[in-house]
Amino acid sequence: MNKTELVEAMASKSGLTKKGAEKALKALTDTVSEQLAKGDKIALVGFGTFEVVEKAAREGRNPSTGAKIKIAACKAPKFKAGKALKDSVNK
């Protein structure tokens, strides 16, 4: 499912127009991005949790040459599915 299909599905389930559903989706993604950038954790009970994890610096390899490279430490977004979401997927 791509963004257009998601907007259409949201519009049909919520009774919103496609434009309204697209605005709602944009507001959700923008808010999640902003809060994660601040370092906040977002917990949607039953759906899942968005959080930021710290990844340590490490050594990797260039796949084409095999040469060792240094990979810098960074922060990465992480999503952990909630029980209700896992249960609905496994039905």
N, C-alpha and C. Protein backbone atom coordinates (compact mmCIF):
# COMPACT_ATOMS: atom_id res chain seq x y z
N MET A 1 0.85 -1.17 0.00
CA MET A 1 0.00 0.00 0.00
C MET A 1 0.90 1.24 0.00
N ASN A 2 0.63 2.14 -0.91
CA ASN A 2 1.40 3.39 -0.95
C ASN A 2 0.60 4.50 -0.26
N LYS A 3 1.15 5.71 -0.25
CA LYS A 3 0.52 6.82 0.45
C LYS A 3 -0.86 7.14 -0.11
N THR A 4 -1.00 7.15 -1.43
CA THR A 4 -2.29 7.46 -2.06
C THR A 4 -3.35 6.45 -1.65
N GLU A 5 -2.99 5.18 -1.66
CA GLU A 5 -3.93 4.13 -1.27
C GLU A 5 -4.28 4.24 0.21
N LEU A 6 -3.30 4.59 1.04
CA LEU A 6 -3.55 4.78 2.47
C LEU A 6 -4.52 5.93 2.70
N VAL A 7 -4.31 7.03 2.00
CA VAL A 7 -5.21 8.20 2.13
C VAL A 7 -6.62 7.81 1.72
N GLU A 8 -6.77 7.06 0.62
CA GLU A 8 -8.10 6.62 0.18
C GLU A 8 -8.76 5.73 1.21
N ALA A 9 -8.01 4.81 1.80
CA ALA A 9 -8.56 3.91 2.82
C ALA A 9 -8.97 4.69 4.06
N MET A 10 -8.13 5.65 4.47
CA MET A 10 -8.46 6.47 5.64
C MET A 10 -9.72 7.29 5.38
N ALA A 11 -9.84 7.84 4.18
CA ALA A 11 -11.01 8.65 3.83
C ALA A 11 -12.28 7.81 3.87
N SER A 12 -12.23 6.61 3.32
CA SER A 12 -13.44 5.78 3.29
C SER A 12 -13.83 5.29 4.68
N LYS A 13 -12.86 4.99 5.55
CA LYS A 13 -13.18 4.51 6.90
C LYS A 13 -13.62 5.63 7.83
N SER A 14 -13.12 6.85 7.63
CA SER A 14 -13.41 7.93 8.56
C SER A 14 -14.53 8.85 8.10
N GLY A 15 -14.89 8.78 6.83
CA GLY A 15 -15.90 9.70 6.32
C GLY A 15 -15.33 11.06 5.95
N LEU A 16 -14.01 11.20 6.02
CA LEU A 16 -13.36 12.43 5.61
C LEU A 16 -13.22 12.45 4.09
N THR A 17 -12.96 13.65 3.57
CA THR A 17 -12.63 13.73 2.15
C THR A 17 -11.20 13.24 2.00
N LYS A 18 -10.80 12.96 0.77
CA LYS A 18 -9.41 12.55 0.53
C LYS A 18 -8.45 13.65 0.96
N LYS A 19 -8.82 14.89 0.70
CA LYS A 19 -7.98 16.02 1.09
C LYS A 19 -7.87 16.11 2.61
N GLY A 20 -8.97 15.89 3.30
CA GLY A 20 -8.96 15.90 4.77
C GLY A 20 -8.13 14.76 5.34
N ALA A 21 -8.27 13.58 4.74
CA ALA A 21 -7.49 12.42 5.19
C ALA A 21 -6.00 12.64 4.95
N GLU A 22 -5.67 13.27 3.82
CA GLU A 22 -4.27 13.55 3.52
C GLU A 22 -3.70 14.54 4.52
N LYS A 23 -4.49 15.56 4.90
CA LYS A 23 -4.04 16.53 5.91
C LYS A 23 -3.83 15.84 7.25
N ALA A 24 -4.75 14.93 7.61
CA ALA A 24 -4.63 14.21 8.88
C ALA A 24 -3.38 13.33 8.89
N LEU A 25 -3.12 12.65 7.80
CA LEU A 25 -1.93 11.80 7.70
C LEU A 25 -0.66 12.64 7.79
N LYS A 26 -0.64 13.77 7.09
CA LYS A 26 0.52 14.67 7.13
C LYS A 26 0.74 15.20 8.55
N ALA A 27 -0.35 15.56 9.23
CA ALA A 27 -0.24 16.06 10.60
C ALA A 27 0.33 14.97 11.52
N LEU A 28 -0.11 13.74 11.33
CA LEU A 28 0.40 12.63 12.14
C LEU A 28 1.88 12.41 11.90
N THR A 29 2.30 12.32 10.64
CA THR A 29 3.70 12.05 10.34
C THR A 29 4.60 13.22 10.78
N ASP A 30 4.13 14.44 10.60
CA ASP A 30 4.91 15.61 11.03
C ASP A 30 5.06 15.63 12.55
N THR A 31 3.99 15.35 13.27
CA THR A 31 4.03 15.36 14.73
C THR A 31 4.94 14.27 15.27
N VAL A 32 4.84 13.07 14.70
CA VAL A 32 5.71 11.96 15.13
C VAL A 32 7.17 12.34 14.87
N SER A 33 7.47 12.89 13.70
CA SER A 33 8.84 13.29 13.37
C SER A 33 9.37 14.34 14.33
N GLU A 34 8.56 15.35 14.62
CA GLU A 34 8.96 16.44 15.51
C GLU A 34 9.24 15.92 16.92
N GLN A 35 8.36 15.07 17.43
CA GLN A 35 8.52 14.56 18.79
C GLN A 35 9.73 13.63 18.90
N LEU A 36 9.97 12.81 17.88
CA LEU A 36 11.14 11.94 17.90
C LEU A 36 12.42 12.77 17.81
N ALA A 37 12.39 13.85 17.03
CA ALA A 37 13.57 14.72 16.93
C ALA A 37 13.89 15.35 18.28
N LYS A 38 12.88 15.61 19.11
CA LYS A 38 13.08 16.15 20.44
C LYS A 38 13.57 15.07 21.42
N GLY A 39 13.47 13.80 21.00
CA GLY A 39 13.87 12.71 21.88
C GLY A 39 12.72 12.11 22.66
N ASP A 40 11.50 12.54 22.36
CA ASP A 40 10.33 12.02 23.06
C ASP A 40 9.95 10.63 22.54
N LYS A 41 9.18 9.92 23.34
CA LYS A 41 8.67 8.60 23.01
C LYS A 41 7.17 8.74 22.80
N ILE A 42 6.62 8.08 21.78
CA ILE A 42 5.20 8.16 21.50
C ILE A 42 4.61 6.77 21.64
N ALA A 43 3.69 6.60 22.59
CA ALA A 43 3.07 5.30 22.84
C ALA A 43 1.60 5.36 22.47
N LEU A 44 1.19 4.55 21.52
CA LEU A 44 -0.21 4.44 21.13
C LEU A 44 -0.67 3.06 21.61
N VAL A 45 -1.37 3.02 22.73
CA VAL A 45 -1.74 1.77 23.37
C VAL A 45 -2.48 0.87 22.39
N GLY A 46 -2.01 -0.36 22.28
CA GLY A 46 -2.62 -1.34 21.38
C GLY A 46 -2.02 -1.32 19.99
N PHE A 47 -1.47 -0.19 19.58
CA PHE A 47 -0.89 -0.09 18.24
C PHE A 47 0.61 -0.28 18.28
N GLY A 48 1.30 0.55 19.08
CA GLY A 48 2.74 0.42 19.17
C GLY A 48 3.40 1.66 19.75
N THR A 49 4.73 1.61 19.79
CA THR A 49 5.52 2.68 20.37
C THR A 49 6.60 3.13 19.40
N PHE A 50 6.70 4.43 19.22
CA PHE A 50 7.77 5.03 18.43
C PHE A 50 8.78 5.61 19.42
N GLU A 51 10.07 5.35 19.19
CA GLU A 51 11.09 5.93 20.05
C GLU A 51 12.39 6.09 19.27
N VAL A 52 13.34 6.80 19.87
CA VAL A 52 14.64 7.01 19.26
C VAL A 52 15.65 6.15 20.01
N VAL A 53 16.48 5.42 19.25
CA VAL A 53 17.54 4.61 19.87
C VAL A 53 18.89 5.13 19.41
N GLU A 54 19.86 5.01 20.29
CA GLU A 54 21.23 5.43 19.98
C GLU A 54 21.98 4.23 19.41
N LYS A 55 22.62 4.41 18.29
CA LYS A 55 23.45 3.36 17.70
C LYS A 55 24.91 3.75 17.88
N ALA A 56 25.69 2.86 18.44
CA ALA A 56 27.10 3.14 18.71
C ALA A 56 27.91 3.15 17.42
N ALA A 57 29.04 3.82 17.46
CA ALA A 57 29.96 3.79 16.32
C ALA A 57 30.46 2.37 16.14
N ARG A 58 30.69 1.97 14.91
CA ARG A 58 31.14 0.61 14.66
C ARG A 58 31.94 0.56 13.38
N GLU A 59 32.54 -0.58 13.14
CA GLU A 59 33.33 -0.77 11.94
C GLU A 59 32.54 -1.64 10.97
N GLY A 60 32.52 -1.24 9.71
CA GLY A 60 31.82 -2.00 8.68
C GLY A 60 32.74 -2.26 7.51
N ARG A 61 32.17 -2.81 6.46
CA ARG A 61 32.94 -3.09 5.25
C ARG A 61 32.22 -2.54 4.04
N ASN A 62 32.99 -1.99 3.12
CA ASN A 62 32.44 -1.55 1.84
C ASN A 62 32.13 -2.82 1.04
N PRO A 63 30.87 -3.04 0.65
CA PRO A 63 30.52 -4.28 -0.01
C PRO A 63 31.19 -4.48 -1.38
N SER A 64 31.52 -3.41 -2.06
CA SER A 64 32.12 -3.57 -3.39
C SER A 64 33.63 -3.79 -3.34
N THR A 65 34.29 -3.18 -2.36
CA THR A 65 35.75 -3.32 -2.29
C THR A 65 36.22 -4.21 -1.14
N GLY A 66 35.38 -4.38 -0.13
CA GLY A 66 35.77 -5.15 1.03
C GLY A 66 36.61 -4.36 2.03
N ALA A 67 36.88 -3.09 1.73
CA ALA A 67 37.68 -2.25 2.61
C ALA A 67 36.92 -1.93 3.89
N LYS A 68 37.65 -1.84 5.01
CA LYS A 68 37.03 -1.49 6.28
C LYS A 68 36.69 -0.01 6.28
N ILE A 69 35.52 0.31 6.84
CA ILE A 69 35.10 1.71 6.97
C ILE A 69 34.57 1.93 8.39
N LYS A 70 34.64 3.17 8.84
CA LYS A 70 34.11 3.52 10.16
C LYS A 70 32.70 4.06 9.96
N ILE A 71 31.76 3.52 10.73
CA ILE A 71 30.38 3.99 10.70
C ILE A 71 30.17 4.79 11.98
N ALA A 72 29.80 6.05 11.83
CA ALA A 72 29.65 6.96 12.96
C ALA A 72 28.45 6.59 13.82
N ALA A 73 28.51 6.98 15.08
CA ALA A 73 27.37 6.81 15.98
C ALA A 73 26.22 7.68 15.47
N CYS A 74 24.99 7.23 15.69
CA CYS A 74 23.83 8.00 15.24
C CYS A 74 22.61 7.64 16.07
N LYS A 75 21.56 8.39 15.86
CA LYS A 75 20.26 8.11 16.46
C LYS A 75 19.36 7.60 15.34
N ALA A 76 18.50 6.63 15.66
CA ALA A 76 17.61 6.06 14.65
C ALA A 76 16.22 5.88 15.24
N PRO A 77 15.17 6.12 14.43
CA PRO A 77 13.82 5.87 14.92
C PRO A 77 13.55 4.37 14.99
N LYS A 78 12.73 3.98 15.95
CA LYS A 78 12.39 2.57 16.13
C LYS A 78 10.90 2.47 16.41
N PHE A 79 10.27 1.44 15.87
CA PHE A 79 8.85 1.18 16.13
C PHE A 79 8.72 -0.22 16.70
N LYS A 80 8.02 -0.33 17.81
CA LYS A 80 7.75 -1.63 18.40
C LYS A 80 6.24 -1.82 18.40
N ALA A 81 5.78 -2.86 17.72
CA ALA A 81 4.34 -3.13 17.60
C ALA A 81 3.75 -3.53 18.94
N GLY A 82 2.52 -3.07 19.19
CA GLY A 82 1.80 -3.41 20.41
C GLY A 82 1.10 -4.76 20.28
N LYS A 83 0.62 -5.28 21.38
CA LYS A 83 0.00 -6.59 21.40
C LYS A 83 -1.22 -6.68 20.48
N ALA A 84 -2.09 -5.68 20.52
CA ALA A 84 -3.29 -5.71 19.70
C ALA A 84 -2.94 -5.74 18.21
N LEU A 85 -1.93 -4.99 17.81
CA LEU A 85 -1.51 -4.98 16.40
C LEU A 85 -0.93 -6.34 16.02
N LYS A 86 -0.10 -6.90 16.89
CA LYS A 86 0.47 -8.22 16.62
C LYS A 86 -0.62 -9.27 16.50
N ASP A 87 -1.60 -9.21 17.41
CA ASP A 87 -2.70 -10.18 17.38
C ASP A 87 -3.52 -10.06 16.11
N SER A 88 -3.79 -8.84 15.64
CA SER A 88 -4.60 -8.66 14.43
C SER A 88 -3.85 -9.13 13.19
N VAL A 89 -2.54 -9.01 13.19
CA VAL A 89 -1.74 -9.47 12.06
C VAL A 89 -1.67 -11.00 12.03
N ASN A 90 -1.67 -11.60 13.20
CA ASN A 90 -1.52 -13.06 13.29
C ASN A 90 -2.83 -13.83 13.29
N LYS A 91 -3.95 -13.18 12.99
CA LYS A 91 -5.25 -13.88 12.94
C LYS A 91 -5.30 -14.83 11.79
